[in-house]
Amino acid sequence: MSRYQCPECGYEYDEAAGDPHQGYPAGTVWDSLPESFTCPDCAVRYKEDFQPLES
């Protein structure tokens, strides 16, 4: 499972944990998030702006 980080605020989306508060259960992979996904913390960055993190 991978992790992705918002370059604006540092929010991390972890596929293993998902983001249940946003409606994405644990195990939800990045590619299955909608293209309209924005950072839930700052709402400034879009999905394509997130950077993959090293495991």
PDB file of N, CA and C in Angstrom:
ATOM      1  N   MET A   1       0.849  -1.171   0.000  1.00  0.00           N
ATOM      2  CA  MET A   1       0.000   0.000   0.000  1.00  0.00           C
ATOM      3  C   MET A   1       0.898   1.238   0.000  1.00  0.00           C
ATOM      4  N   SER A   2       0.398   2.291  -0.620  1.00  0.00           N
ATOM      5  CA  SER A   2       1.188   3.503  -0.790  1.00  0.00           C
ATOM      6  C   SER A   2       0.605   4.659   0.008  1.00  0.00           C
ATOM      7  N   ARG A   3       1.417   5.723   0.114  1.00  0.00           N
ATOM      8  CA  ARG A   3       0.995   6.958   0.776  1.00  0.00           C
ATOM      9  C   ARG A   3       1.251   8.123  -0.174  1.00  0.00           C
ATOM     10  N   TYR A   4       0.412   9.141  -0.064  1.00  0.00           N
ATOM     11  CA  TYR A   4       0.514  10.330  -0.911  1.00  0.00           C
ATOM     12  C   TYR A   4       0.369  11.555  -0.027  1.00  0.00           C
ATOM     13  N   GLN A   5       1.149  12.612  -0.331  1.00  0.00           N
ATOM     14  CA  GLN A   5       1.172  13.793   0.523  1.00  0.00           C
ATOM     15  C   GLN A   5       0.795  15.056  -0.247  1.00  0.00           C
ATOM     16  N   CYS A   6      -0.002  15.885   0.408  1.00  0.00           N
ATOM     17  CA  CYS A   6      -0.351  17.197  -0.144  1.00  0.00           C
ATOM     18  C   CYS A   6       0.867  18.107  -0.006  1.00  0.00           C
ATOM     19  N   PRO A   7       1.324  18.726  -1.087  1.00  0.00           N
ATOM     20  CA  PRO A   7       2.505  19.584  -0.998  1.00  0.00           C
ATOM     21  C   PRO A   7       2.216  20.917  -0.303  1.00  0.00           C
ATOM     22  N   GLU A   8       0.960  21.259  -0.127  1.00  0.00           N
ATOM     23  CA  GLU A   8       0.595  22.540   0.495  1.00  0.00           C
ATOM     24  C   GLU A   8       0.623  22.458   2.021  1.00  0.00           C
ATOM     25  N   CYS A   9      -0.077  21.454   2.587  1.00  0.00           N
ATOM     26  CA  CYS A   9      -0.237  21.410   4.045  1.00  0.00           C
ATOM     27  C   CYS A   9       0.380  20.180   4.711  1.00  0.00           C
ATOM     28  N   GLY A  10       0.782  19.186   3.915  1.00  0.00           N
ATOM     29  CA  GLY A  10       1.403  18.002   4.486  1.00  0.00           C
ATOM     30  C   GLY A  10       0.439  16.868   4.808  1.00  0.00           C
ATOM     31  N   TYR A  11      -0.858  17.044   4.533  1.00  0.00           N
ATOM     32  CA  TYR A  11      -1.817  15.953   4.747  1.00  0.00           C
ATOM     33  C   TYR A  11      -1.337  14.720   3.982  1.00  0.00           C
ATOM     34  N   GLU A  12      -1.433  13.556   4.618  1.00  0.00           N
ATOM     35  CA  GLU A  12      -1.044  12.311   3.969  1.00  0.00           C
ATOM     36  C   GLU A  12      -2.253  11.404   3.804  1.00  0.00           C
ATOM     37  N   TYR A  13      -2.411  10.877   2.594  1.00  0.00           N
ATOM     38  CA  TYR A  13      -3.412   9.851   2.351  1.00  0.00           C
ATOM     39  C   TYR A  13      -2.675   8.522   2.332  1.00  0.00           C
ATOM     40  N   ASP A  14      -3.028   7.643   3.257  1.00  0.00           N
ATOM     41  CA  ASP A  14      -2.419   6.322   3.379  1.00  0.00           C
ATOM     42  C   ASP A  14      -3.443   5.298   2.904  1.00  0.00           C
ATOM     43  N   GLU A  15      -3.122   4.583   1.829  1.00  0.00           N
ATOM     44  CA  GLU A  15      -4.068   3.603   1.286  1.00  0.00           C
ATOM     45  C   GLU A  15      -4.460   2.556   2.322  1.00  0.00           C
ATOM     46  N   ALA A  16      -3.535   2.155   3.169  1.00  0.00           N
ATOM     47  CA  ALA A  16      -3.815   1.122   4.169  1.00  0.00           C
ATOM     48  C   ALA A  16      -4.859   1.607   5.183  1.00  0.00           C
ATOM     49  N   ALA A  17      -4.787   2.891   5.535  1.00  0.00           N
ATOM     50  CA  ALA A  17      -5.702   3.451   6.532  1.00  0.00           C
ATOM     51  C   ALA A  17      -6.945   4.051   5.904  1.00  0.00           C
ATOM     52  N   GLY A  18      -6.840   4.474   4.634  1.00  0.00           N
ATOM     53  CA  GLY A  18      -7.949   5.172   4.000  1.00  0.00           C
ATOM     54  C   GLY A  18      -8.186   6.503   4.692  1.00  0.00           C
ATOM     55  N   ASP A  19      -9.383   7.020   4.585  1.00  0.00           N
ATOM     56  CA  ASP A  19      -9.788   8.230   5.300  1.00  0.00           C
ATOM     57  C   ASP A  19     -11.284   8.092   5.571  1.00  0.00           C
ATOM     58  N   PRO A  20     -11.622   7.292   6.599  1.00  0.00           N
ATOM     59  CA  PRO A  20     -13.032   7.014   6.878  1.00  0.00           C
ATOM     60  C   PRO A  20     -13.875   8.276   7.073  1.00  0.00           C
ATOM     61  N   HIS A  21     -13.282   9.321   7.621  1.00  0.00           N
ATOM     62  CA  HIS A  21     -14.010  10.568   7.835  1.00  0.00           C
ATOM     63  C   HIS A  21     -14.469  11.174   6.502  1.00  0.00           C
ATOM     64  N   GLN A  22     -13.688  10.937   5.448  1.00  0.00           N
ATOM     65  CA  GLN A  22     -14.028  11.438   4.119  1.00  0.00           C
ATOM     66  C   GLN A  22     -14.820  10.411   3.296  1.00  0.00           C
ATOM     67  N   GLY A  23     -15.043   9.225   3.875  1.00  0.00           N
ATOM     68  CA  GLY A  23     -15.828   8.201   3.196  1.00  0.00           C
ATOM     69  C   GLY A  23     -14.995   7.172   2.436  1.00  0.00           C
ATOM     70  N   TYR A  24     -13.686   7.117   2.710  1.00  0.00           N
ATOM     71  CA  TYR A  24     -12.801   6.161   2.043  1.00  0.00           C
ATOM     72  C   TYR A  24     -12.291   5.155   3.073  1.00  0.00           C
ATOM     73  N   PRO A  25     -12.851   3.936   3.076  1.00  0.00           N
ATOM     74  CA  PRO A  25     -12.448   2.947   4.081  1.00  0.00           C
ATOM     75  C   PRO A  25     -11.001   2.492   3.902  1.00  0.00           C
ATOM     76  N   ALA A  26     -10.467   1.888   4.952  1.00  0.00           N
ATOM     77  CA  ALA A  26      -9.114   1.331   4.897  1.00  0.00           C
ATOM     78  C   ALA A  26      -8.996   0.412   3.696  1.00  0.00           C
ATOM     79  N   GLY A  27      -7.871   0.509   3.004  1.00  0.00           N
ATOM     80  CA  GLY A  27      -7.637  -0.315   1.830  1.00  0.00           C
ATOM     81  C   GLY A  27      -8.064   0.340   0.520  1.00  0.00           C
ATOM     82  N   THR A  28      -8.597   1.563   0.583  1.00  0.00           N
ATOM     83  CA  THR A  28      -8.994   2.269  -0.641  1.00  0.00           C
ATOM     84  C   THR A  28      -7.741   2.786  -1.337  1.00  0.00           C
ATOM     85  N   VAL A  29      -7.472   2.253  -2.518  1.00  0.00           N
ATOM     86  CA  VAL A  29      -6.251   2.641  -3.239  1.00  0.00           C
ATOM     87  C   VAL A  29      -6.413   4.004  -3.902  1.00  0.00           C
ATOM     88  N   TRP A  30      -5.307   4.677  -4.071  1.00  0.00           N
ATOM     89  CA  TRP A  30      -5.261   6.022  -4.632  1.00  0.00           C
ATOM     90  C   TRP A  30      -5.976   6.106  -5.976  1.00  0.00           C
ATOM     91  N   ASP A  31      -5.732   5.131  -6.838  1.00  0.00           N
ATOM     92  CA  ASP A  31      -6.313   5.156  -8.176  1.00  0.00           C
ATOM     93  C   ASP A  31      -7.839   5.058  -8.168  1.00  0.00           C
ATOM     94  N   SER A  32      -8.416   4.593  -7.068  1.00  0.00           N
ATOM     95  CA  SER A  32      -9.871   4.490  -7.018  1.00  0.00           C
ATOM     96  C   SER A  32     -10.529   5.756  -6.450  1.00  0.00           C
ATOM     97  N   LEU A  33      -9.721   6.705  -5.964  1.00  0.00           N
ATOM     98  CA  LEU A  33     -10.293   7.971  -5.517  1.00  0.00           C
ATOM     99  C   LEU A  33     -10.759   8.748  -6.738  1.00  0.00           C
ATOM    100  N   PRO A  34     -11.828   9.521  -6.602  1.00  0.00           N
ATOM    101  CA  PRO A  34     -12.327  10.268  -7.762  1.00  0.00           C
ATOM    102  C   PRO A  34     -11.318  11.323  -8.224  1.00  0.00           C
ATOM    103  N   GLU A  35     -11.336  11.638  -9.502  1.00  0.00           N
ATOM    104  CA  GLU A  35     -10.439  12.665 -10.039  1.00  0.00           C
ATOM    105  C   GLU A  35     -10.718  14.020  -9.392  1.00  0.00           C
ATOM    106  N   SER A  36     -11.911  14.208  -8.870  1.00  0.00           N
ATOM    107  CA  SER A  36     -12.284  15.469  -8.230  1.00  0.00           C
ATOM    108  C   SER A  36     -11.796  15.559  -6.780  1.00  0.00           C
ATOM    109  N   PHE A  37     -11.081  14.529  -6.303  1.00  0.00           N
ATOM    110  CA  PHE A  37     -10.571  14.507  -4.931  1.00  0.00           C
ATOM    111  C   PHE A  37      -9.696  15.729  -4.685  1.00  0.00           C
ATOM    112  N   THR A  38      -9.959  16.431  -3.583  1.00  0.00           N
ATOM    113  CA  THR A  38      -9.101  17.531  -3.147  1.00  0.00           C
ATOM    114  C   THR A  38      -8.633  17.252  -1.732  1.00  0.00           C
ATOM    115  N   CYS A  39      -7.596  17.938  -1.324  1.00  0.00           N
ATOM    116  CA  CYS A  39      -7.067  17.750   0.024  1.00  0.00           C
ATOM    117  C   CYS A  39      -8.151  18.084   1.043  1.00  0.00           C
ATOM    118  N   PRO A  40      -8.466  17.156   1.953  1.00  0.00           N
ATOM    119  CA  PRO A  40      -9.518  17.422   2.935  1.00  0.00           C
ATOM    120  C   PRO A  40      -9.097  18.419   4.015  1.00  0.00           C
ATOM    121  N   ASP A  41      -7.784  18.668   4.159  1.00  0.00           N
ATOM    122  CA  ASP A  41      -7.331  19.611   5.184  1.00  0.00           C
ATOM    123  C   ASP A  41      -7.270  21.049   4.675  1.00  0.00           C
ATOM    124  N   CYS A  42      -6.731  21.243   3.472  1.00  0.00           N
ATOM    125  CA  CYS A  42      -6.571  22.618   2.990  1.00  0.00           C
ATOM    126  C   CYS A  42      -7.440  22.936   1.783  1.00  0.00           C
ATOM    127  N   ALA A  43      -7.969  21.909   1.112  1.00  0.00           N
ATOM    128  CA  ALA A  43      -8.837  22.065  -0.058  1.00  0.00           C
ATOM    129  C   ALA A  43      -8.203  22.890  -1.175  1.00  0.00           C
ATOM    130  N   VAL A  44      -6.895  23.061  -1.110  1.00  0.00           N
ATOM    131  CA  VAL A  44      -6.195  23.854  -2.107  1.00  0.00           C
ATOM    132  C   VAL A  44      -5.674  22.965  -3.229  1.00  0.00           C
ATOM    133  N   ARG A  45      -5.229  21.779  -2.874  1.00  0.00           N
ATOM    134  CA  ARG A  45      -4.570  20.920  -3.843  1.00  0.00           C
ATOM    135  C   ARG A  45      -5.493  19.841  -4.364  1.00  0.00           C
ATOM    136  N   TYR A  46      -5.310  19.524  -5.632  1.00  0.00           N
ATOM    137  CA  TYR A  46      -6.081  18.476  -6.292  1.00  0.00           C
ATOM    138  C   TYR A  46      -5.294  17.182  -6.329  1.00  0.00           C
ATOM    139  N   LYS A  47      -5.971  16.114  -6.661  1.00  0.00           N
ATOM    140  CA  LYS A  47      -5.374  14.778  -6.668  1.00  0.00           C
ATOM    141  C   LYS A  47      -4.049  14.734  -7.430  1.00  0.00           C
ATOM    142  N   GLU A  48      -4.005  15.383  -8.597  1.00  0.00           N
ATOM    143  CA  GLU A  48      -2.779  15.316  -9.410  1.00  0.00           C
ATOM    144  C   GLU A  48      -1.601  16.049  -8.772  1.00  0.00           C
ATOM    145  N   ASP A  49      -1.861  16.903  -7.775  1.00  0.00           N
ATOM    146  CA  ASP A  49      -0.788  17.641  -7.102  1.00  0.00           C
ATOM    147  C   ASP A  49      -0.107  16.824  -6.003  1.00  0.00           C
ATOM    148  N   PHE A  50      -0.777  15.790  -5.509  1.00  0.00           N
ATOM    149  CA  PHE A  50      -0.217  14.990  -4.408  1.00  0.00           C
ATOM    150  C   PHE A  50       1.048  14.265  -4.867  1.00  0.00           C
ATOM    151  N   GLN A  51       1.986  14.149  -3.945  1.00  0.00           N
ATOM    152  CA  GLN A  51       3.255  13.487  -4.230  1.00  0.00           C
ATOM    153  C   GLN A  51       3.296  12.114  -3.560  1.00  0.00           C
ATOM    154  N   PRO A  52       3.703  11.069  -4.294  1.00  0.00           N
ATOM    155  CA  PRO A  52       3.858   9.759  -3.656  1.00  0.00           C
ATOM    156  C   PRO A  52       5.024   9.802  -2.668  1.00  0.00           C
ATOM    157  N   LEU A  53       4.882   9.101  -1.564  1.00  0.00           N
ATOM    158  CA  LEU A  53       5.922   9.035  -0.541  1.00  0.00           C
ATOM    159  C   LEU A  53       6.619   7.682  -0.611  1.00  0.00           C
ATOM    160  N   GLU A  54       7.870   7.691  -0.242  1.00  0.00           N
ATOM    161  CA  GLU A  54       8.636   6.442  -0.149  1.00  0.00           C
ATOM    162  C   GLU A  54       8.108   5.614   1.015  1.00  0.00           C
ATOM    163  N   SER A  55       8.061   4.325   0.829  1.00  0.00           N
ATOM    164  CA  SER A  55       7.569   3.440   1.896  1.00  0.00           C
ATOM    165  C   SER A  55       8.606   3.239   2.961  1.00  0.00           C
TER     166      SER A  55
END
